[in-house]
Amino acid sequence: MVKVVDTIERVTLKLPKPVAAYFRKAFPHGQRSRFVEECILSHKHQAEIEKMEKELQKVGKSRQ
């Protein structure tokens, strides 16, 4: 069995100062990356769902 490990890449976020202060306060060190990752993956999943729905609508219109 091969175990796949994703590499970690550092990304810089540019946020307004009050938002950055809240982000640091609300999410302690170590939890920030996990939170951002979950948000991005959720957004990706939602975008894929919307794309599929649009494709199904096109197919449905062409079958009528």
C-alpha atoms as a PDB file:
ATOM      1  CA  MET A   1       0.000   0.000   0.000  1.00  0.00           C
ATOM      2  CA  VAL A   2       1.407   3.393  -1.023  1.00  0.00           C
ATOM      3  CA  LYS A   3       0.710   6.325   1.250  1.00  0.00           C
ATOM      4  CA  VAL A   4       0.362   9.651  -0.575  1.00  0.00           C
ATOM      5  CA  VAL A   5       1.414  12.704   1.384  1.00  0.00           C
ATOM      6  CA  ASP A   6       0.520  16.151   0.085  1.00  0.00           C
ATOM      7  CA  THR A   7       3.269  18.689   0.286  1.00  0.00           C
ATOM      8  CA  ILE A   8       2.596  21.890   2.160  1.00  0.00           C
ATOM      9  CA  GLU A   9       2.974  25.210   0.400  1.00  0.00           C
ATOM     10  CA  ARG A  10       3.070  28.586   2.097  1.00  0.00           C
ATOM     11  CA  VAL A  11       0.579  31.162   0.797  1.00  0.00           C
ATOM     12  CA  THR A  12       0.305  34.805   1.773  1.00  0.00           C
ATOM     13  CA  LEU A  13      -3.174  36.222   2.308  1.00  0.00           C
ATOM     14  CA  LYS A  14      -3.725  39.954   2.120  1.00  0.00           C
ATOM     15  CA  LEU A  15      -6.556  40.893   4.460  1.00  0.00           C
ATOM     16  CA  PRO A  16      -7.717  44.167   5.969  1.00  0.00           C
ATOM     17  CA  LYS A  17      -6.094  44.696   9.361  1.00  0.00           C
ATOM     18  CA  PRO A  18      -9.293  44.201  11.430  1.00  0.00           C
ATOM     19  CA  VAL A  19     -10.098  40.986   9.578  1.00  0.00           C
ATOM     20  CA  ALA A  20      -6.556  39.681  10.059  1.00  0.00           C
ATOM     21  CA  ALA A  21      -6.706  40.509  13.782  1.00  0.00           C
ATOM     22  CA  TYR A  22     -10.000  38.621  14.128  1.00  0.00           C
ATOM     23  CA  PHE A  23      -8.620  35.699  12.119  1.00  0.00           C
ATOM     24  CA  ARG A  24      -5.626  35.402  14.439  1.00  0.00           C
ATOM     25  CA  LYS A  25      -7.805  35.691  17.534  1.00  0.00           C
ATOM     26  CA  ALA A  26     -10.525  33.290  16.383  1.00  0.00           C
ATOM     27  CA  PHE A  27      -8.202  30.637  14.987  1.00  0.00           C
ATOM     28  CA  PRO A  28      -5.116  29.804  17.032  1.00  0.00           C
ATOM     29  CA  HIS A  29      -1.858  28.852  15.357  1.00  0.00           C
ATOM     30  CA  GLY A  30      -2.251  25.476  13.681  1.00  0.00           C
ATOM     31  CA  GLN A  31      -5.988  25.853  13.089  1.00  0.00           C
ATOM     32  CA  ARG A  32      -5.821  28.709  10.584  1.00  0.00           C
ATOM     33  CA  SER A  33      -4.504  26.597   7.730  1.00  0.00           C
ATOM     34  CA  ARG A  34      -7.082  23.897   8.407  1.00  0.00           C
ATOM     35  CA  PHE A  35      -9.899  26.481   8.370  1.00  0.00           C
ATOM     36  CA  VAL A  36      -8.730  28.041   5.092  1.00  0.00           C
ATOM     37  CA  GLU A  37      -8.298  24.582   3.544  1.00  0.00           C
ATOM     38  CA  GLU A  38     -11.852  23.589   4.514  1.00  0.00           C
ATOM     39  CA  CYS A  39     -13.264  26.828   3.088  1.00  0.00           C
ATOM     40  CA  ILE A  40     -11.420  26.423  -0.210  1.00  0.00           C
ATOM     41  CA  LEU A  41     -12.409  22.767  -0.588  1.00  0.00           C
ATOM     42  CA  SER A  42     -16.017  23.607   0.261  1.00  0.00           C
ATOM     43  CA  HIS A  43     -15.999  26.348  -2.383  1.00  0.00           C
ATOM     44  CA  LYS A  44     -14.479  23.935  -4.927  1.00  0.00           C
ATOM     45  CA  HIS A  45     -17.144  21.328  -4.154  1.00  0.00           C
ATOM     46  CA  GLN A  46     -19.949  23.882  -4.487  1.00  0.00           C
ATOM     47  CA  ALA A  47     -18.552  25.125  -7.817  1.00  0.00           C
ATOM     48  CA  GLU A  48     -18.458  21.550  -9.138  1.00  0.00           C
ATOM     49  CA  ILE A  49     -22.084  21.016  -8.090  1.00  0.00           C
ATOM     50  CA  GLU A  50     -23.185  24.234  -9.818  1.00  0.00           C
ATOM     51  CA  LYS A  51     -21.333  23.205 -12.980  1.00  0.00           C
ATOM     52  CA  MET A  52     -23.063  19.814 -13.007  1.00  0.00           C
ATOM     53  CA  GLU A  53     -26.465  21.428 -12.434  1.00  0.00           C
ATOM     54  CA  LYS A  54     -25.949  23.763 -15.396  1.00  0.00           C
ATOM     55  CA  GLU A  55     -24.917  20.853 -17.610  1.00  0.00           C
ATOM     56  CA  LEU A  56     -27.986  18.871 -16.545  1.00  0.00           C
ATOM     57  CA  GLN A  57     -30.223  21.867 -17.291  1.00  0.00           C
ATOM     58  CA  LYS A  58     -28.731  22.094 -20.804  1.00  0.00           C
ATOM     59  CA  VAL A  59     -29.342  18.376 -21.370  1.00  0.00           C
ATOM     60  CA  GLY A  60     -32.885  18.685 -20.013  1.00  0.00           C
ATOM     61  CA  LYS A  61     -33.681  21.586 -22.351  1.00  0.00           C
ATOM     62  CA  SER A  62     -32.311  19.762 -25.386  1.00  0.00           C
ATOM     63  CA  ARG A  63     -34.422  16.652 -24.622  1.00  0.00           C
ATOM     64  CA  GLN A  64     -37.714  18.585 -24.478  1.00  0.00           C
END
